[in-house]
Amino acid sequence: MGIGRELYEALEKVLFEQNILNLNACVAYPEVEDEYLTQNSIQFHEHLGYRFVGEFYQCGDKFGRWYNMVWMEKHISQHKENPLAVKKFDEIREWIAEKYKIL
């Protein structure tokens, strides 16, 4: 239905307005897919523009099984010599509500 993609896109818009430059995702990753966990989360993040940056092995225990953790990143703004200060959400709350017609 695309709800996950829509939520990520909304989050990215808000973080962009807060002057956040990088997004990081830590995703559980099975070396071999099983009935509890597939590799779809990696594909989902890649589709959204994230790239693979690292993997930790057998560090997540879930459902009595050990899984790897994969780190992915996405740059949502340029990395300038003097980056703008990060804005607290309260500083942009009203502006975001008005811009995106959120009540």
N, C-alpha and C. Protein backbone atom coordinates (compact mmCIF):
# COMPACT_ATOMS: atom_id res chain seq x y z
N MET A 1 0.82 -1.20 0.00
CA MET A 1 0.00 0.00 0.00
C MET A 1 0.86 1.26 0.00
N GLY A 2 2.15 1.13 0.28
CA GLY A 2 3.03 2.27 0.21
C GLY A 2 3.08 3.14 1.45
N ILE A 3 2.50 2.67 2.55
CA ILE A 3 2.46 3.48 3.77
C ILE A 3 3.87 3.70 4.32
N GLY A 4 4.70 2.66 4.32
CA GLY A 4 6.07 2.80 4.82
C GLY A 4 6.85 3.84 4.05
N ARG A 5 6.73 3.81 2.73
CA ARG A 5 7.41 4.80 1.88
C ARG A 5 6.90 6.21 2.19
N GLU A 6 5.61 6.36 2.34
CA GLU A 6 5.04 7.68 2.65
C GLU A 6 5.52 8.20 4.00
N LEU A 7 5.61 7.32 4.99
CA LEU A 7 6.11 7.73 6.30
C LEU A 7 7.57 8.17 6.22
N TYR A 8 8.38 7.41 5.50
CA TYR A 8 9.79 7.78 5.34
C TYR A 8 9.92 9.12 4.62
N GLU A 9 9.13 9.33 3.58
CA GLU A 9 9.20 10.59 2.84
C GLU A 9 8.80 11.76 3.72
N ALA A 10 7.77 11.60 4.54
CA ALA A 10 7.36 12.67 5.46
C ALA A 10 8.46 12.95 6.47
N LEU A 11 9.06 11.90 7.02
CA LEU A 11 10.14 12.07 7.98
C LEU A 11 11.33 12.79 7.34
N GLU A 12 11.67 12.43 6.13
CA GLU A 12 12.79 13.09 5.44
C GLU A 12 12.52 14.57 5.24
N LYS A 13 11.30 14.94 4.90
CA LYS A 13 10.97 16.36 4.70
C LYS A 13 11.17 17.14 5.99
N VAL A 14 10.71 16.59 7.10
CA VAL A 14 10.86 17.27 8.38
C VAL A 14 12.33 17.37 8.76
N LEU A 15 13.07 16.28 8.63
CA LEU A 15 14.50 16.30 8.99
C LEU A 15 15.28 17.26 8.10
N PHE A 16 14.92 17.33 6.83
CA PHE A 16 15.56 18.28 5.92
C PHE A 16 15.36 19.71 6.42
N GLU A 17 14.15 20.04 6.85
CA GLU A 17 13.84 21.37 7.36
C GLU A 17 14.57 21.65 8.67
N GLN A 18 14.96 20.61 9.38
CA GLN A 18 15.73 20.76 10.61
C GLN A 18 17.23 20.85 10.35
N ASN A 19 17.62 20.83 9.08
CA ASN A 19 19.02 20.89 8.65
C ASN A 19 19.81 19.62 8.96
N ILE A 20 19.12 18.50 9.04
CA ILE A 20 19.79 17.20 9.18
C ILE A 20 20.33 16.83 7.80
N LEU A 21 21.55 16.32 7.75
CA LEU A 21 22.19 15.99 6.48
C LEU A 21 22.14 14.52 6.15
N ASN A 22 22.30 13.67 7.15
CA ASN A 22 22.40 12.22 6.93
C ASN A 22 21.27 11.50 7.65
N LEU A 23 20.77 10.45 7.01
CA LEU A 23 19.84 9.53 7.66
C LEU A 23 20.54 8.19 7.77
N ASN A 24 20.38 7.52 8.90
CA ASN A 24 21.00 6.22 9.12
C ASN A 24 19.92 5.21 9.49
N ALA A 25 20.05 4.03 8.93
CA ALA A 25 19.11 2.96 9.24
C ALA A 25 19.88 1.72 9.68
N CYS A 26 19.46 1.13 10.78
CA CYS A 26 20.03 -0.12 11.27
C CYS A 26 18.96 -1.18 11.06
N VAL A 27 19.29 -2.18 10.26
CA VAL A 27 18.30 -3.15 9.81
C VAL A 27 18.74 -4.57 10.17
N ALA A 28 17.84 -5.33 10.78
CA ALA A 28 18.13 -6.75 11.03
C ALA A 28 18.25 -7.46 9.68
N TYR A 29 19.24 -8.35 9.58
CA TYR A 29 19.54 -8.97 8.29
C TYR A 29 19.88 -10.45 8.47
N PRO A 30 19.09 -11.32 7.85
CA PRO A 30 19.41 -12.75 7.92
C PRO A 30 20.37 -13.13 6.79
N GLU A 31 21.40 -13.89 7.11
CA GLU A 31 22.26 -14.39 6.03
C GLU A 31 21.44 -15.31 5.13
N VAL A 32 20.55 -16.08 5.77
CA VAL A 32 19.61 -16.94 5.04
C VAL A 32 18.21 -16.58 5.53
N GLU A 33 17.32 -16.24 4.61
CA GLU A 33 15.96 -15.88 4.99
C GLU A 33 15.28 -17.05 5.70
N ASP A 34 14.42 -16.72 6.65
CA ASP A 34 13.65 -17.74 7.35
C ASP A 34 12.21 -17.26 7.53
N GLU A 35 11.43 -17.99 8.32
CA GLU A 35 10.02 -17.64 8.47
C GLU A 35 9.81 -16.36 9.28
N TYR A 36 10.85 -15.86 9.95
CA TYR A 36 10.72 -14.66 10.76
C TYR A 36 11.28 -13.41 10.10
N LEU A 37 12.29 -13.59 9.27
CA LEU A 37 12.99 -12.42 8.75
C LEU A 37 13.47 -12.66 7.32
N THR A 38 13.15 -11.72 6.44
CA THR A 38 13.61 -11.77 5.06
C THR A 38 14.61 -10.63 4.83
N GLN A 39 15.10 -10.54 3.63
CA GLN A 39 16.03 -9.47 3.27
C GLN A 39 15.28 -8.29 2.64
N ASN A 40 13.95 -8.28 2.74
CA ASN A 40 13.15 -7.22 2.13
C ASN A 40 13.44 -5.84 2.70
N SER A 41 13.81 -5.74 3.96
CA SER A 41 14.09 -4.43 4.55
C SER A 41 15.27 -3.75 3.86
N ILE A 42 16.26 -4.54 3.48
CA ILE A 42 17.41 -3.99 2.75
C ILE A 42 16.94 -3.44 1.41
N GLN A 43 16.16 -4.22 0.70
CA GLN A 43 15.65 -3.80 -0.62
C GLN A 43 14.76 -2.56 -0.50
N PHE A 44 13.94 -2.51 0.55
CA PHE A 44 13.07 -1.36 0.79
C PHE A 44 13.91 -0.09 0.96
N HIS A 45 14.94 -0.16 1.80
CA HIS A 45 15.78 1.01 2.04
C HIS A 45 16.57 1.40 0.78
N GLU A 46 17.06 0.42 0.04
CA GLU A 46 17.76 0.72 -1.21
C GLU A 46 16.83 1.45 -2.18
N HIS A 47 15.59 1.01 -2.25
CA HIS A 47 14.60 1.65 -3.13
C HIS A 47 14.37 3.11 -2.73
N LEU A 48 14.53 3.41 -1.44
CA LEU A 48 14.35 4.78 -0.95
C LEU A 48 15.62 5.63 -1.10
N GLY A 49 16.70 5.02 -1.59
CA GLY A 49 17.93 5.78 -1.83
C GLY A 49 19.02 5.57 -0.80
N TYR A 50 18.82 4.65 0.12
CA TYR A 50 19.86 4.34 1.11
C TYR A 50 20.92 3.46 0.47
N ARG A 51 22.13 3.54 0.99
CA ARG A 51 23.21 2.67 0.51
C ARG A 51 23.80 1.90 1.69
N PHE A 52 24.29 0.73 1.40
CA PHE A 52 24.91 -0.15 2.40
C PHE A 52 26.23 0.45 2.84
N VAL A 53 26.47 0.50 4.18
CA VAL A 53 27.75 1.01 4.67
C VAL A 53 28.45 0.07 5.63
N GLY A 54 27.76 -0.94 6.14
CA GLY A 54 28.45 -1.86 7.05
C GLY A 54 27.54 -2.95 7.58
N GLU A 55 28.19 -4.01 8.06
CA GLU A 55 27.44 -5.15 8.60
C GLU A 55 28.13 -5.66 9.86
N PHE A 56 27.32 -5.93 10.86
CA PHE A 56 27.79 -6.56 12.09
C PHE A 56 27.20 -7.97 12.13
N TYR A 57 28.00 -8.93 12.52
CA TYR A 57 27.62 -10.33 12.41
C TYR A 57 27.14 -10.91 13.73
N GLN A 58 26.03 -11.63 13.65
CA GLN A 58 25.43 -12.34 14.79
C GLN A 58 25.38 -11.45 16.04
N CYS A 59 24.80 -10.28 15.90
CA CYS A 59 24.73 -9.35 17.03
C CYS A 59 23.31 -9.07 17.49
N GLY A 60 22.33 -9.61 16.78
CA GLY A 60 20.94 -9.39 17.17
C GLY A 60 20.21 -10.70 17.39
N ASP A 61 19.73 -10.90 18.60
CA ASP A 61 18.98 -12.11 18.93
C ASP A 61 17.50 -11.81 18.81
N LYS A 62 16.83 -12.53 17.93
CA LYS A 62 15.42 -12.31 17.67
C LYS A 62 14.77 -13.67 17.43
N PHE A 63 13.70 -13.94 18.15
CA PHE A 63 13.00 -15.22 18.01
C PHE A 63 13.92 -16.41 18.28
N GLY A 64 14.87 -16.23 19.19
CA GLY A 64 15.78 -17.30 19.55
C GLY A 64 16.83 -17.61 18.49
N ARG A 65 17.03 -16.69 17.57
CA ARG A 65 18.02 -16.88 16.50
C ARG A 65 18.92 -15.65 16.43
N TRP A 66 20.13 -15.86 15.97
CA TRP A 66 21.07 -14.76 15.81
C TRP A 66 21.02 -14.22 14.39
N TYR A 67 20.91 -12.92 14.30
CA TYR A 67 20.88 -12.25 13.01
C TYR A 67 21.98 -11.19 12.94
N ASN A 68 22.33 -10.84 11.73
CA ASN A 68 23.27 -9.76 11.51
C ASN A 68 22.51 -8.43 11.53
N MET A 69 23.25 -7.34 11.69
CA MET A 69 22.68 -6.00 11.60
C MET A 69 23.41 -5.27 10.49
N VAL A 70 22.65 -4.63 9.63
CA VAL A 70 23.22 -3.89 8.50
C VAL A 70 22.95 -2.41 8.73
N TRP A 71 23.97 -1.61 8.50
CA TRP A 71 23.82 -0.16 8.56
C TRP A 71 23.75 0.38 7.14
N MET A 72 22.78 1.28 6.94
CA MET A 72 22.59 1.93 5.64
C MET A 72 22.51 3.44 5.90
N GLU A 73 22.85 4.22 4.87
CA GLU A 73 22.78 5.67 5.03
C GLU A 73 22.23 6.32 3.77
N LYS A 74 21.71 7.53 3.98
CA LYS A 74 21.22 8.34 2.87
C LYS A 74 21.55 9.80 3.20
N HIS A 75 22.14 10.49 2.25
CA HIS A 75 22.40 11.92 2.41
C HIS A 75 21.21 12.67 1.83
N ILE A 76 20.62 13.56 2.62
CA ILE A 76 19.44 14.28 2.14
C ILE A 76 19.73 15.76 1.88
N SER A 77 20.97 16.17 2.10
CA SER A 77 21.36 17.55 1.82
C SER A 77 22.86 17.58 1.57
N GLN A 78 23.32 18.70 1.02
CA GLN A 78 24.74 18.85 0.72
C GLN A 78 25.55 19.04 1.99
N HIS A 79 26.75 18.52 1.96
CA HIS A 79 27.69 18.68 3.07
C HIS A 79 28.59 19.88 2.76
N LYS A 80 28.22 21.02 3.32
CA LYS A 80 28.95 22.26 3.07
C LYS A 80 30.04 22.46 4.12
N GLU A 81 30.95 23.38 3.83
CA GLU A 81 32.05 23.66 4.76
C GLU A 81 31.53 24.14 6.12
N ASN A 82 30.52 24.99 6.11
CA ASN A 82 29.93 25.51 7.34
C ASN A 82 28.44 25.15 7.37
N PRO A 83 28.11 23.95 7.83
CA PRO A 83 26.71 23.52 7.81
C PRO A 83 25.84 24.37 8.74
N LEU A 84 24.58 24.47 8.38
CA LEU A 84 23.62 25.20 9.21
C LEU A 84 23.38 24.43 10.51
N ALA A 85 23.07 25.16 11.55
CA ALA A 85 22.78 24.53 12.84
C ALA A 85 21.49 23.71 12.74
N VAL A 86 21.45 22.63 13.47
CA VAL A 86 20.25 21.80 13.53
C VAL A 86 19.17 22.55 14.30
N LYS A 87 17.96 22.54 13.73
CA LYS A 87 16.82 23.20 14.38
C LYS A 87 16.03 22.18 15.19
N LYS A 88 15.62 22.58 16.37
CA LYS A 88 14.73 21.73 17.16
C LYS A 88 13.38 21.67 16.46
N PHE A 89 12.67 20.56 16.65
CA PHE A 89 11.38 20.41 15.98
C PHE A 89 10.43 21.53 16.38
N ASP A 90 10.46 21.95 17.64
CA ASP A 90 9.57 23.02 18.08
C ASP A 90 9.79 24.32 17.29
N GLU A 91 11.00 24.51 16.76
CA GLU A 91 11.29 25.71 15.98
C GLU A 91 10.60 25.70 14.62
N ILE A 92 10.28 24.52 14.11
CA ILE A 92 9.67 24.43 12.77
C ILE A 92 8.27 23.83 12.79
N ARG A 93 7.78 23.47 13.96
CA ARG A 93 6.49 22.78 14.08
C ARG A 93 5.36 23.52 13.35
N GLU A 94 5.18 24.80 13.62
CA GLU A 94 4.08 25.55 13.00
C GLU A 94 4.29 25.69 11.50
N TRP A 95 5.53 25.92 11.10
CA TRP A 95 5.83 26.06 9.67
C TRP A 95 5.53 24.76 8.93
N ILE A 96 5.93 23.63 9.51
CA ILE A 96 5.66 22.32 8.90
C ILE A 96 4.15 22.09 8.81
N ALA A 97 3.42 22.40 9.89
CA ALA A 97 1.97 22.21 9.89
C ALA A 97 1.31 23.02 8.80
N GLU A 98 1.75 24.25 8.62
CA GLU A 98 1.17 25.12 7.59
C GLU A 98 1.56 24.65 6.19
N LYS A 99 2.84 24.36 5.99
CA LYS A 99 3.33 23.97 4.67
C LYS A 99 2.68 22.68 4.18
N TYR A 100 2.53 21.69 5.07
CA TYR A 100 2.02 20.40 4.65
C TYR A 100 0.56 20.19 5.03
N LYS A 101 -0.10 21.26 5.48
CA LYS A 101 -1.54 21.21 5.82
C LYS A 101 -1.84 20.14 6.85
N ILE A 102 -1.02 20.11 7.89
CA ILE A 102 -1.20 19.16 8.99
C ILE A 102 -1.91 19.88 10.11
N LEU A 103 -2.95 19.29 10.61
CA LEU A 103 -3.69 19.93 11.70
C LEU A 103 -3.06 19.65 13.03
